[in-house]
Amino acid sequence: MINQPTQKSYSQIVTLIFENAQQSIKDLDSSINVFNTKLSAVTGFSVVLIKFVGDLPDQSLEITSSHWSISLSCYSCSLFKILSLILLITSTLISLIALLPKKRGNDLLISPAEQVKKCLELSEDEYKLLFINQYDRAIESLVKLRDWKARRLNWSGITFVGAAVLSALDLLLATLLT
């Protein structure tokens, strides 16, 4: 027969759950900070690349020699340049939107003044259980925020890579025509 848990073992379990919830919030916060760093990097690279895409070849290429000169129209180069710029602007906007402040799970915690009103009569376990409920909501909120930022990072990265590919095609085509 299984032994019935004692009040002391409940207390140990409550303490473990409480500590695990605290660690989960710290881990999620850290994960969100990593996404913010990556989003900042994509934003920075996108903005810098916008400047370089502006210098890509576009509508006309001129091939000259000492005896002759030929001017070629490269509408594909113009199209690649325009699409690259659109994708880079899109990547930058997605990243910047993802970096804007949003409500975080920590906003669900109880203020010290509220704790004084609600918690002075509670046992230590009851106090921890109250916070476990708050931490649970905070964790849920942080998971949603982390997942939202991860999706935005993926979208931003995909548009950034698309812009880089189009820019490379523009340069390749311009090189082949000259």
N, C-alpha and C. Protein backbone atom coordinates (compact mmCIF):
# COMPACT_ATOMS: atom_id res chain seq x y z
N MET A 1 0.82 -1.16 0.00
CA MET A 1 0.00 0.00 0.00
C MET A 1 0.89 1.26 0.00
N ILE A 2 0.49 2.25 -0.76
CA ILE A 2 1.25 3.49 -0.88
C ILE A 2 0.99 4.34 0.36
N ASN A 3 2.08 4.87 0.91
CA ASN A 3 1.95 5.74 2.07
C ASN A 3 1.25 7.04 1.67
N GLN A 4 0.41 7.53 2.53
CA GLN A 4 -0.26 8.80 2.30
C GLN A 4 0.76 9.93 2.52
N PRO A 5 0.75 10.94 1.64
CA PRO A 5 1.69 12.05 1.83
C PRO A 5 1.39 12.81 3.11
N THR A 6 2.43 13.27 3.73
CA THR A 6 2.29 14.04 4.97
C THR A 6 2.30 15.54 4.65
N GLN A 7 1.92 16.32 5.62
CA GLN A 7 1.94 17.78 5.44
C GLN A 7 3.34 18.27 5.11
N LYS A 8 4.35 17.63 5.71
CA LYS A 8 5.74 18.02 5.46
C LYS A 8 6.12 17.75 4.00
N SER A 9 5.69 16.60 3.46
CA SER A 9 6.04 16.29 2.07
C SER A 9 5.31 17.24 1.12
N TYR A 10 4.08 17.66 1.48
CA TYR A 10 3.39 18.66 0.66
C TYR A 10 4.19 19.95 0.64
N SER A 11 4.71 20.33 1.77
CA SER A 11 5.48 21.56 1.87
C SER A 11 6.70 21.51 0.97
N GLN A 12 7.36 20.36 0.94
CA GLN A 12 8.54 20.21 0.07
C GLN A 12 8.14 20.29 -1.40
N ILE A 13 7.00 19.67 -1.74
CA ILE A 13 6.53 19.71 -3.13
C ILE A 13 6.16 21.13 -3.53
N VAL A 14 5.48 21.84 -2.65
CA VAL A 14 5.10 23.24 -2.93
C VAL A 14 6.36 24.07 -3.14
N THR A 15 7.37 23.85 -2.31
CA THR A 15 8.63 24.59 -2.46
C THR A 15 9.29 24.27 -3.79
N LEU A 16 9.30 23.01 -4.20
CA LEU A 16 9.88 22.63 -5.49
C LEU A 16 9.12 23.27 -6.66
N ILE A 17 7.79 23.24 -6.58
CA ILE A 17 6.99 23.85 -7.64
C ILE A 17 7.25 25.36 -7.69
N PHE A 18 7.32 25.99 -6.54
CA PHE A 18 7.58 27.43 -6.45
C PHE A 18 8.93 27.77 -7.09
N GLU A 19 9.97 27.03 -6.74
CA GLU A 19 11.31 27.28 -7.28
C GLU A 19 11.36 27.00 -8.78
N ASN A 20 10.66 25.95 -9.21
CA ASN A 20 10.63 25.62 -10.63
C ASN A 20 9.93 26.73 -11.42
N ALA A 21 8.85 27.26 -10.88
CA ALA A 21 8.13 28.35 -11.55
C ALA A 21 9.01 29.59 -11.66
N GLN A 22 9.74 29.91 -10.59
CA GLN A 22 10.66 31.05 -10.63
C GLN A 22 11.72 30.84 -11.70
N GLN A 23 12.28 29.65 -11.78
CA GLN A 23 13.32 29.36 -12.77
C GLN A 23 12.75 29.41 -14.19
N SER A 24 11.52 28.95 -14.36
CA SER A 24 10.88 28.99 -15.68
C SER A 24 10.72 30.43 -16.16
N ILE A 25 10.33 31.31 -15.26
CA ILE A 25 10.18 32.72 -15.63
C ILE A 25 11.54 33.30 -16.02
N LYS A 26 12.58 32.98 -15.27
CA LYS A 26 13.92 33.48 -15.60
C LYS A 26 14.37 32.95 -16.96
N ASP A 27 14.12 31.66 -17.22
CA ASP A 27 14.52 31.07 -18.50
C ASP A 27 13.76 31.68 -19.67
N LEU A 28 12.47 31.91 -19.50
CA LEU A 28 11.67 32.52 -20.57
C LEU A 28 12.11 33.96 -20.81
N ASP A 29 12.38 34.68 -19.75
CA ASP A 29 12.88 36.05 -19.89
C ASP A 29 14.20 36.07 -20.67
N SER A 30 15.07 35.15 -20.35
CA SER A 30 16.35 35.04 -21.04
C SER A 30 16.15 34.71 -22.52
N SER A 31 15.23 33.81 -22.80
CA SER A 31 14.93 33.42 -24.18
C SER A 31 14.38 34.62 -24.97
N ILE A 32 13.52 35.39 -24.35
CA ILE A 32 12.97 36.58 -25.00
C ILE A 32 14.07 37.59 -25.27
N ASN A 33 15.00 37.75 -24.35
CA ASN A 33 16.13 38.66 -24.56
C ASN A 33 17.00 38.20 -25.72
N VAL A 34 17.19 36.90 -25.88
CA VAL A 34 17.95 36.37 -27.01
C VAL A 34 17.25 36.70 -28.32
N PHE A 35 15.92 36.53 -28.36
CA PHE A 35 15.17 36.88 -29.57
C PHE A 35 15.28 38.37 -29.86
N ASN A 36 15.23 39.20 -28.82
CA ASN A 36 15.38 40.65 -29.03
C ASN A 36 16.74 40.98 -29.62
N THR A 37 17.77 40.31 -29.17
CA THR A 37 19.11 40.53 -29.71
C THR A 37 19.18 40.14 -31.18
N LYS A 38 18.61 39.00 -31.51
CA LYS A 38 18.61 38.54 -32.90
C LYS A 38 17.78 39.46 -33.78
N LEU A 39 16.63 39.90 -33.28
CA LEU A 39 15.80 40.84 -34.04
C LEU A 39 16.54 42.16 -34.27
N SER A 40 17.28 42.61 -33.28
CA SER A 40 18.07 43.83 -33.44
C SER A 40 19.14 43.66 -34.51
N ALA A 41 19.76 42.49 -34.52
CA ALA A 41 20.79 42.22 -35.53
C ALA A 41 20.20 42.21 -36.93
N VAL A 42 19.07 41.54 -37.10
CA VAL A 42 18.42 41.50 -38.42
C VAL A 42 18.02 42.92 -38.84
N THR A 43 17.50 43.70 -37.92
CA THR A 43 17.13 45.08 -38.22
C THR A 43 18.35 45.87 -38.68
N GLY A 44 19.44 45.75 -37.94
CA GLY A 44 20.66 46.47 -38.30
C GLY A 44 21.21 46.06 -39.65
N PHE A 45 21.27 44.76 -39.90
CA PHE A 45 21.77 44.28 -41.19
C PHE A 45 20.85 44.72 -42.33
N SER A 46 19.55 44.70 -42.10
CA SER A 46 18.60 45.13 -43.13
C SER A 46 18.80 46.60 -43.48
N VAL A 47 18.94 47.42 -42.46
CA VAL A 47 19.12 48.85 -42.70
C VAL A 47 20.43 49.11 -43.46
N VAL A 48 21.48 48.43 -43.07
CA VAL A 48 22.77 48.61 -43.77
C VAL A 48 22.67 48.11 -45.21
N LEU A 49 22.02 46.98 -45.40
CA LEU A 49 21.91 46.43 -46.74
C LEU A 49 21.05 47.30 -47.64
N ILE A 50 20.09 48.03 -47.08
CA ILE A 50 19.29 48.95 -47.89
C ILE A 50 20.20 49.96 -48.58
N LYS A 51 21.18 50.45 -47.86
CA LYS A 51 22.12 51.41 -48.46
C LYS A 51 22.88 50.77 -49.62
N PHE A 52 23.34 49.54 -49.43
CA PHE A 52 24.11 48.88 -50.48
C PHE A 52 23.24 48.49 -51.67
N VAL A 53 22.00 48.12 -51.43
CA VAL A 53 21.10 47.76 -52.53
C VAL A 53 20.83 48.99 -53.39
N GLY A 54 20.82 50.15 -52.78
CA GLY A 54 20.64 51.38 -53.56
C GLY A 54 21.73 51.58 -54.59
N ASP A 55 22.89 51.01 -54.36
CA ASP A 55 24.01 51.15 -55.30
C ASP A 55 24.08 50.02 -56.33
N LEU A 56 23.14 49.09 -56.28
CA LEU A 56 23.14 47.98 -57.25
C LEU A 56 22.83 48.50 -58.64
N PRO A 57 23.31 47.78 -59.65
CA PRO A 57 22.98 48.16 -61.03
C PRO A 57 21.47 48.08 -61.25
N ASP A 58 20.98 48.99 -62.10
CA ASP A 58 19.56 48.91 -62.40
C ASP A 58 19.32 48.99 -63.90
N GLN A 59 18.59 49.95 -64.38
CA GLN A 59 18.08 49.90 -65.74
C GLN A 59 19.11 49.86 -66.85
N SER A 60 20.15 50.61 -66.76
CA SER A 60 21.04 50.63 -67.91
C SER A 60 22.47 50.33 -67.52
N LEU A 61 23.08 49.55 -68.37
CA LEU A 61 24.49 49.23 -68.21
C LEU A 61 25.22 49.72 -69.45
N GLU A 62 26.34 50.32 -69.24
CA GLU A 62 27.09 50.80 -70.39
C GLU A 62 28.41 50.05 -70.47
N ILE A 63 28.63 49.45 -71.60
CA ILE A 63 29.87 48.72 -71.85
C ILE A 63 30.66 49.57 -72.83
N THR A 64 31.86 49.96 -72.42
CA THR A 64 32.66 50.82 -73.30
C THR A 64 34.01 50.20 -73.56
N SER A 65 34.50 50.50 -74.69
CA SER A 65 35.85 50.12 -75.09
C SER A 65 36.48 51.39 -75.67
N SER A 66 37.74 51.33 -76.01
CA SER A 66 38.38 52.52 -76.57
C SER A 66 37.83 52.83 -77.97
N HIS A 67 37.23 51.82 -78.64
CA HIS A 67 36.75 52.02 -80.01
C HIS A 67 35.22 52.07 -80.11
N TRP A 68 34.51 51.57 -79.11
CA TRP A 68 33.05 51.51 -79.23
C TRP A 68 32.38 51.59 -77.86
N SER A 69 31.09 51.84 -77.85
CA SER A 69 30.32 51.92 -76.62
C SER A 69 28.93 51.31 -76.88
N ILE A 70 28.49 50.44 -75.96
CA ILE A 70 27.18 49.81 -76.09
C ILE A 70 26.42 50.07 -74.78
N SER A 71 25.17 50.44 -74.93
CA SER A 71 24.33 50.63 -73.75
C SER A 71 23.25 49.55 -73.77
N LEU A 72 23.16 48.79 -72.69
CA LEU A 72 22.19 47.70 -72.59
C LEU A 72 21.15 48.05 -71.53
N SER A 73 19.94 47.68 -71.79
CA SER A 73 18.89 47.84 -70.78
C SER A 73 18.77 46.55 -70.00
N CYS A 74 18.71 46.67 -68.69
CA CYS A 74 18.62 45.50 -67.83
C CYS A 74 17.41 45.67 -66.92
N TYR A 75 16.23 45.36 -67.48
CA TYR A 75 15.02 45.52 -66.69
C TYR A 75 14.95 44.50 -65.57
N SER A 76 15.56 43.34 -65.76
CA SER A 76 15.60 42.35 -64.68
C SER A 76 16.40 42.90 -63.50
N CYS A 77 17.47 43.63 -63.79
CA CYS A 77 18.26 44.23 -62.71
C CYS A 77 17.40 45.21 -61.92
N SER A 78 16.61 46.01 -62.62
CA SER A 78 15.72 46.96 -61.93
C SER A 78 14.71 46.22 -61.07
N LEU A 79 14.14 45.16 -61.61
CA LEU A 79 13.16 44.38 -60.87
C LEU A 79 13.80 43.75 -59.62
N PHE A 80 14.98 43.17 -59.77
CA PHE A 80 15.67 42.57 -58.62
C PHE A 80 15.98 43.63 -57.56
N LYS A 81 16.40 44.79 -58.01
CA LYS A 81 16.72 45.87 -57.08
C LYS A 81 15.47 46.33 -56.32
N ILE A 82 14.38 46.52 -57.03
CA ILE A 82 13.13 46.96 -56.39
C ILE A 82 12.63 45.90 -55.41
N LEU A 83 12.63 44.64 -55.82
CA LEU A 83 12.17 43.57 -54.94
C LEU A 83 13.08 43.44 -53.71
N SER A 84 14.38 43.60 -53.92
CA SER A 84 15.32 43.55 -52.78
C SER A 84 15.00 44.64 -51.77
N LEU A 85 14.77 45.84 -52.26
CA LEU A 85 14.45 46.95 -51.37
C LEU A 85 13.14 46.71 -50.63
N ILE A 86 12.14 46.22 -51.34
CA ILE A 86 10.85 45.93 -50.69
C ILE A 86 11.02 44.89 -49.60
N LEU A 87 11.76 43.82 -49.90
CA LEU A 87 11.97 42.76 -48.90
C LEU A 87 12.78 43.27 -47.71
N LEU A 88 13.77 44.10 -47.95
CA LEU A 88 14.57 44.65 -46.85
C LEU A 88 13.74 45.58 -45.96
N ILE A 89 12.92 46.40 -46.58
CA ILE A 89 12.04 47.27 -45.80
C ILE A 89 11.07 46.43 -44.98
N THR A 90 10.52 45.38 -45.60
CA THR A 90 9.61 44.49 -44.89
C THR A 90 10.31 43.81 -43.72
N SER A 91 11.52 43.33 -43.95
CA SER A 91 12.30 42.69 -42.89
C SER A 91 12.55 43.65 -41.73
N THR A 92 12.92 44.87 -42.06
CA THR A 92 13.17 45.89 -41.04
C THR A 92 11.91 46.18 -40.24
N LEU A 93 10.79 46.35 -40.92
CA LEU A 93 9.54 46.66 -40.22
C LEU A 93 9.09 45.51 -39.33
N ILE A 94 9.20 44.29 -39.82
CA ILE A 94 8.81 43.13 -39.00
C ILE A 94 9.66 43.09 -37.73
N SER A 95 10.97 43.27 -37.89
CA SER A 95 11.87 43.24 -36.73
C SER A 95 11.57 44.36 -35.75
N LEU A 96 11.36 45.56 -36.28
CA LEU A 96 11.08 46.69 -35.39
C LEU A 96 9.77 46.51 -34.65
N ILE A 97 8.75 46.00 -35.32
CA ILE A 97 7.47 45.75 -34.64
C ILE A 97 7.65 44.72 -33.53
N ALA A 98 8.44 43.69 -33.81
CA ALA A 98 8.68 42.66 -32.79
C ALA A 98 9.48 43.20 -31.61
N LEU A 99 10.25 44.24 -31.83
CA LEU A 99 11.05 44.83 -30.74
C LEU A 99 10.28 45.85 -29.90
N LEU A 100 9.13 46.28 -30.39
CA LEU A 100 8.35 47.24 -29.61
C LEU A 100 7.95 46.62 -28.27
N PRO A 101 7.88 47.44 -27.24
CA PRO A 101 7.52 46.90 -25.92
C PRO A 101 6.14 46.27 -25.94
N LYS A 102 6.05 45.14 -25.29
CA LYS A 102 4.78 44.44 -25.12
C LYS A 102 4.65 44.07 -23.66
N LYS A 103 3.43 43.81 -23.26
CA LYS A 103 3.20 43.39 -21.88
C LYS A 103 3.88 42.05 -21.66
N ARG A 104 4.64 41.95 -20.60
CA ARG A 104 5.35 40.72 -20.27
C ARG A 104 4.64 40.03 -19.12
N GLY A 105 4.92 38.77 -18.96
CA GLY A 105 4.30 37.97 -17.92
C GLY A 105 4.55 38.48 -16.53
N ASN A 106 5.66 39.17 -16.30
CA ASN A 106 5.99 39.67 -14.97
C ASN A 106 5.01 40.72 -14.49
N ASP A 107 4.22 41.28 -15.42
CA ASP A 107 3.24 42.29 -15.04
C ASP A 107 2.11 41.69 -14.22
N LEU A 108 2.04 40.38 -14.15
CA LEU A 108 0.96 39.71 -13.43
C LEU A 108 1.29 39.48 -11.96
N LEU A 109 2.47 39.86 -11.53
CA LEU A 109 2.88 39.61 -10.15
C LEU A 109 2.17 40.56 -9.19
N ILE A 110 2.10 40.14 -7.95
CA ILE A 110 1.41 40.92 -6.91
C ILE A 110 2.38 41.95 -6.34
N SER A 111 1.93 43.19 -6.21
CA SER A 111 2.77 44.25 -5.66
C SER A 111 2.99 44.01 -4.16
N PRO A 112 4.07 44.56 -3.60
CA PRO A 112 4.31 44.40 -2.16
C PRO A 112 3.16 44.92 -1.30
N ALA A 113 2.56 46.03 -1.66
CA ALA A 113 1.45 46.57 -0.88
C ALA A 113 0.26 45.60 -0.89
N GLU A 114 0.02 45.01 -2.05
CA GLU A 114 -1.07 44.04 -2.17
C GLU A 114 -0.75 42.78 -1.36
N GLN A 115 0.53 42.39 -1.34
CA GLN A 115 0.93 41.23 -0.55
C GLN A 115 0.67 41.46 0.94
N VAL A 116 0.95 42.66 1.41
CA VAL A 116 0.72 42.97 2.82
C VAL A 116 -0.77 42.81 3.15
N LYS A 117 -1.63 43.29 2.25
CA LYS A 117 -3.07 43.19 2.48
C LYS A 117 -3.57 41.74 2.45
N LYS A 118 -3.04 40.95 1.51
CA LYS A 118 -3.58 39.61 1.26
C LYS A 118 -2.85 38.48 1.98
N CYS A 119 -1.60 38.65 2.28
CA CYS A 119 -0.77 37.50 2.61
C CYS A 119 -0.29 37.39 4.05
N LEU A 120 -0.51 38.37 4.88
CA LEU A 120 0.03 38.32 6.24
C LEU A 120 -0.55 37.16 7.06
N GLU A 121 -1.76 36.78 6.77
CA GLU A 121 -2.41 35.71 7.54
C GLU A 121 -2.16 34.32 6.94
N LEU A 122 -1.44 34.25 5.84
CA LEU A 122 -1.22 32.97 5.15
C LEU A 122 -0.02 32.22 5.74
N SER A 123 -0.11 30.90 5.67
CA SER A 123 1.07 30.10 6.03
C SER A 123 2.08 30.22 4.88
N GLU A 124 3.28 29.75 5.11
CA GLU A 124 4.32 29.83 4.08
C GLU A 124 3.88 29.07 2.82
N ASP A 125 3.30 27.88 2.99
CA ASP A 125 2.84 27.10 1.84
C ASP A 125 1.71 27.81 1.10
N GLU A 126 0.77 28.39 1.83
CA GLU A 126 -0.33 29.11 1.19
C GLU A 126 0.20 30.32 0.42
N TYR A 127 1.20 30.98 0.99
CA TYR A 127 1.84 32.12 0.33
C TYR A 127 2.50 31.68 -0.97
N LYS A 128 3.24 30.57 -0.92
CA LYS A 128 3.89 30.06 -2.12
C LYS A 128 2.86 29.62 -3.16
N LEU A 129 1.76 29.02 -2.71
CA LEU A 129 0.71 28.59 -3.64
C LEU A 129 0.07 29.79 -4.34
N LEU A 130 -0.11 30.89 -3.60
CA LEU A 130 -0.63 32.10 -4.21
C LEU A 130 0.30 32.57 -5.33
N PHE A 131 1.59 32.56 -5.07
CA PHE A 131 2.55 32.98 -6.08
C PHE A 131 2.66 31.97 -7.22
N ILE A 132 2.49 30.71 -6.92
CA ILE A 132 2.52 29.70 -7.98
C ILE A 132 1.41 29.99 -8.99
N ASN A 133 0.24 30.38 -8.51
CA ASN A 133 -0.85 30.76 -9.43
C ASN A 133 -0.46 31.98 -10.26
N GLN A 134 0.15 32.97 -9.64
CA GLN A 134 0.60 34.15 -10.37
C GLN A 134 1.69 33.79 -11.37
N TYR A 135 2.63 32.96 -10.94
CA TYR A 135 3.71 32.54 -11.83
C TYR A 135 3.18 31.75 -13.01
N ASP A 136 2.16 30.95 -12.78
CA ASP A 136 1.58 30.17 -13.87
C ASP A 136 1.04 31.09 -14.96
N ARG A 137 0.33 32.14 -14.56
CA ARG A 137 -0.17 33.10 -15.55
C ARG A 137 0.97 33.87 -16.21
N ALA A 138 1.99 34.20 -15.42
CA ALA A 138 3.15 34.89 -15.99
C ALA A 138 3.86 34.01 -17.01
N ILE A 139 4.02 32.74 -16.69
CA ILE A 139 4.68 31.81 -17.61
C ILE A 139 3.88 31.69 -18.91
N GLU A 140 2.58 31.58 -18.79
CA GLU A 140 1.73 31.48 -19.98
C GLU A 140 1.88 32.73 -20.86
N SER A 141 1.90 33.89 -20.24
CA SER A 141 2.06 35.14 -20.97
C SER A 141 3.45 35.22 -21.64
N LEU A 142 4.48 34.82 -20.91
CA LEU A 142 5.84 34.85 -21.46
C LEU A 142 6.02 33.86 -22.60
N VAL A 143 5.40 32.70 -22.50
CA VAL A 143 5.47 31.71 -23.58
C VAL A 143 4.84 32.28 -24.84
N LYS A 144 3.69 32.93 -24.70
CA LYS A 144 3.04 33.54 -25.87
C LYS A 144 3.92 34.63 -26.48
N LEU A 145 4.51 35.46 -25.63
CA LEU A 145 5.39 36.53 -26.12
C LEU A 145 6.62 35.95 -26.81
N ARG A 146 7.23 34.94 -26.22
CA ARG A 146 8.40 34.31 -26.82
C ARG A 146 8.06 33.71 -28.18
N ASP A 147 6.95 32.99 -28.26
CA ASP A 147 6.53 32.38 -29.52
C ASP A 147 6.21 33.42 -30.59
N TRP A 148 5.58 34.52 -30.17
CA TRP A 148 5.26 35.61 -31.09
C TRP A 148 6.55 36.22 -31.66
N LYS A 149 7.51 36.46 -30.79
CA LYS A 149 8.79 37.02 -31.24
C LYS A 149 9.53 36.04 -32.14
N ALA A 150 9.46 34.76 -31.84
CA ALA A 150 10.13 33.75 -32.66
C ALA A 150 9.55 33.74 -34.08
N ARG A 151 8.23 33.83 -34.19
CA ARG A 151 7.60 33.87 -35.52
C ARG A 151 8.04 35.12 -36.27
N ARG A 152 8.08 36.25 -35.60
CA ARG A 152 8.51 37.50 -36.27
C ARG A 152 9.97 37.40 -36.70
N LEU A 153 10.80 36.78 -35.88
CA LEU A 153 12.20 36.60 -36.26
C LEU A 153 12.30 35.72 -37.50
N ASN A 154 11.53 34.66 -37.56
CA ASN A 154 11.54 33.80 -38.75
C ASN A 154 11.11 34.56 -39.99
N TRP A 155 10.02 35.31 -39.88
CA TRP A 155 9.53 36.08 -41.03
C TRP A 155 10.57 37.11 -41.47
N SER A 156 11.13 37.80 -40.51
CA SER A 156 12.13 38.82 -40.81
C SER A 156 13.36 38.20 -41.46
N GLY A 157 13.79 37.07 -40.93
CA GLY A 157 14.95 36.38 -41.50
C GLY A 157 14.69 35.89 -42.91
N ILE A 158 13.50 35.36 -43.16
CA ILE A 158 13.17 34.87 -44.50
C ILE A 158 13.16 36.02 -45.51
N THR A 159 12.56 37.14 -45.14
CA THR A 159 12.54 38.28 -46.07
C THR A 159 13.94 38.85 -46.27
N PHE A 160 14.75 38.83 -45.23
CA PHE A 160 16.13 39.30 -45.34
C PHE A 160 16.93 38.42 -46.30
N VAL A 161 16.80 37.11 -46.15
CA VAL A 161 17.52 36.18 -47.04
C VAL A 161 17.00 36.32 -48.47
N GLY A 162 15.69 36.49 -48.63
CA GLY A 162 15.14 36.71 -49.97
C GLY A 162 15.72 37.95 -50.62
N ALA A 163 15.85 39.02 -49.86
CA ALA A 163 16.44 40.25 -50.38
C ALA A 163 17.91 40.03 -50.75
N ALA A 164 18.63 39.28 -49.94
CA ALA A 164 20.03 39.01 -50.24
C ALA A 164 20.17 38.19 -51.51
N VAL A 165 19.29 37.21 -51.71
CA VAL A 165 19.33 36.39 -52.93
C VAL A 165 19.05 37.26 -54.16
N LEU A 166 18.02 38.09 -54.08
CA LEU A 166 17.70 38.97 -55.20
C LEU A 166 18.82 39.96 -55.49
N SER A 167 19.45 40.47 -54.45
CA SER A 167 20.58 41.38 -54.64
C SER A 167 21.74 40.66 -55.33
N ALA A 168 21.98 39.42 -54.91
CA ALA A 168 23.05 38.63 -55.54
C ALA A 168 22.71 38.35 -57.00
N LEU A 169 21.46 38.05 -57.29
CA LEU A 169 21.06 37.82 -58.69
C LEU A 169 21.23 39.08 -59.52
N ASP A 170 20.90 40.22 -58.94
CA ASP A 170 21.10 41.50 -59.63
C ASP A 170 22.58 41.69 -59.99
N LEU A 171 23.44 41.48 -59.01
CA LEU A 171 24.88 41.62 -59.26
C LEU A 171 25.38 40.61 -60.28
N LEU A 172 24.92 39.38 -60.18
CA LEU A 172 25.33 38.34 -61.11
C LEU A 172 24.90 38.67 -62.53
N LEU A 173 23.66 39.09 -62.70
CA LEU A 173 23.16 39.45 -64.01
C LEU A 173 23.92 40.64 -64.58
N ALA A 174 24.16 41.64 -63.76
CA ALA A 174 24.90 42.82 -64.21
C ALA A 174 26.33 42.44 -64.60
N THR A 175 26.92 41.51 -63.84
CA THR A 175 28.28 41.06 -64.14
C THR A 175 28.32 40.30 -65.46
N LEU A 176 27.32 39.46 -65.67
CA LEU A 176 27.28 38.68 -66.91
C LEU A 176 27.05 39.56 -68.13
N LEU A 177 26.33 40.67 -67.95
CA LEU A 177 26.06 41.56 -69.08
C LEU A 177 27.22 42.51 -69.38
N THR A 178 28.15 42.64 -68.46
CA THR A 178 29.26 43.56 -68.73
C THR A 178 30.49 42.83 -69.18
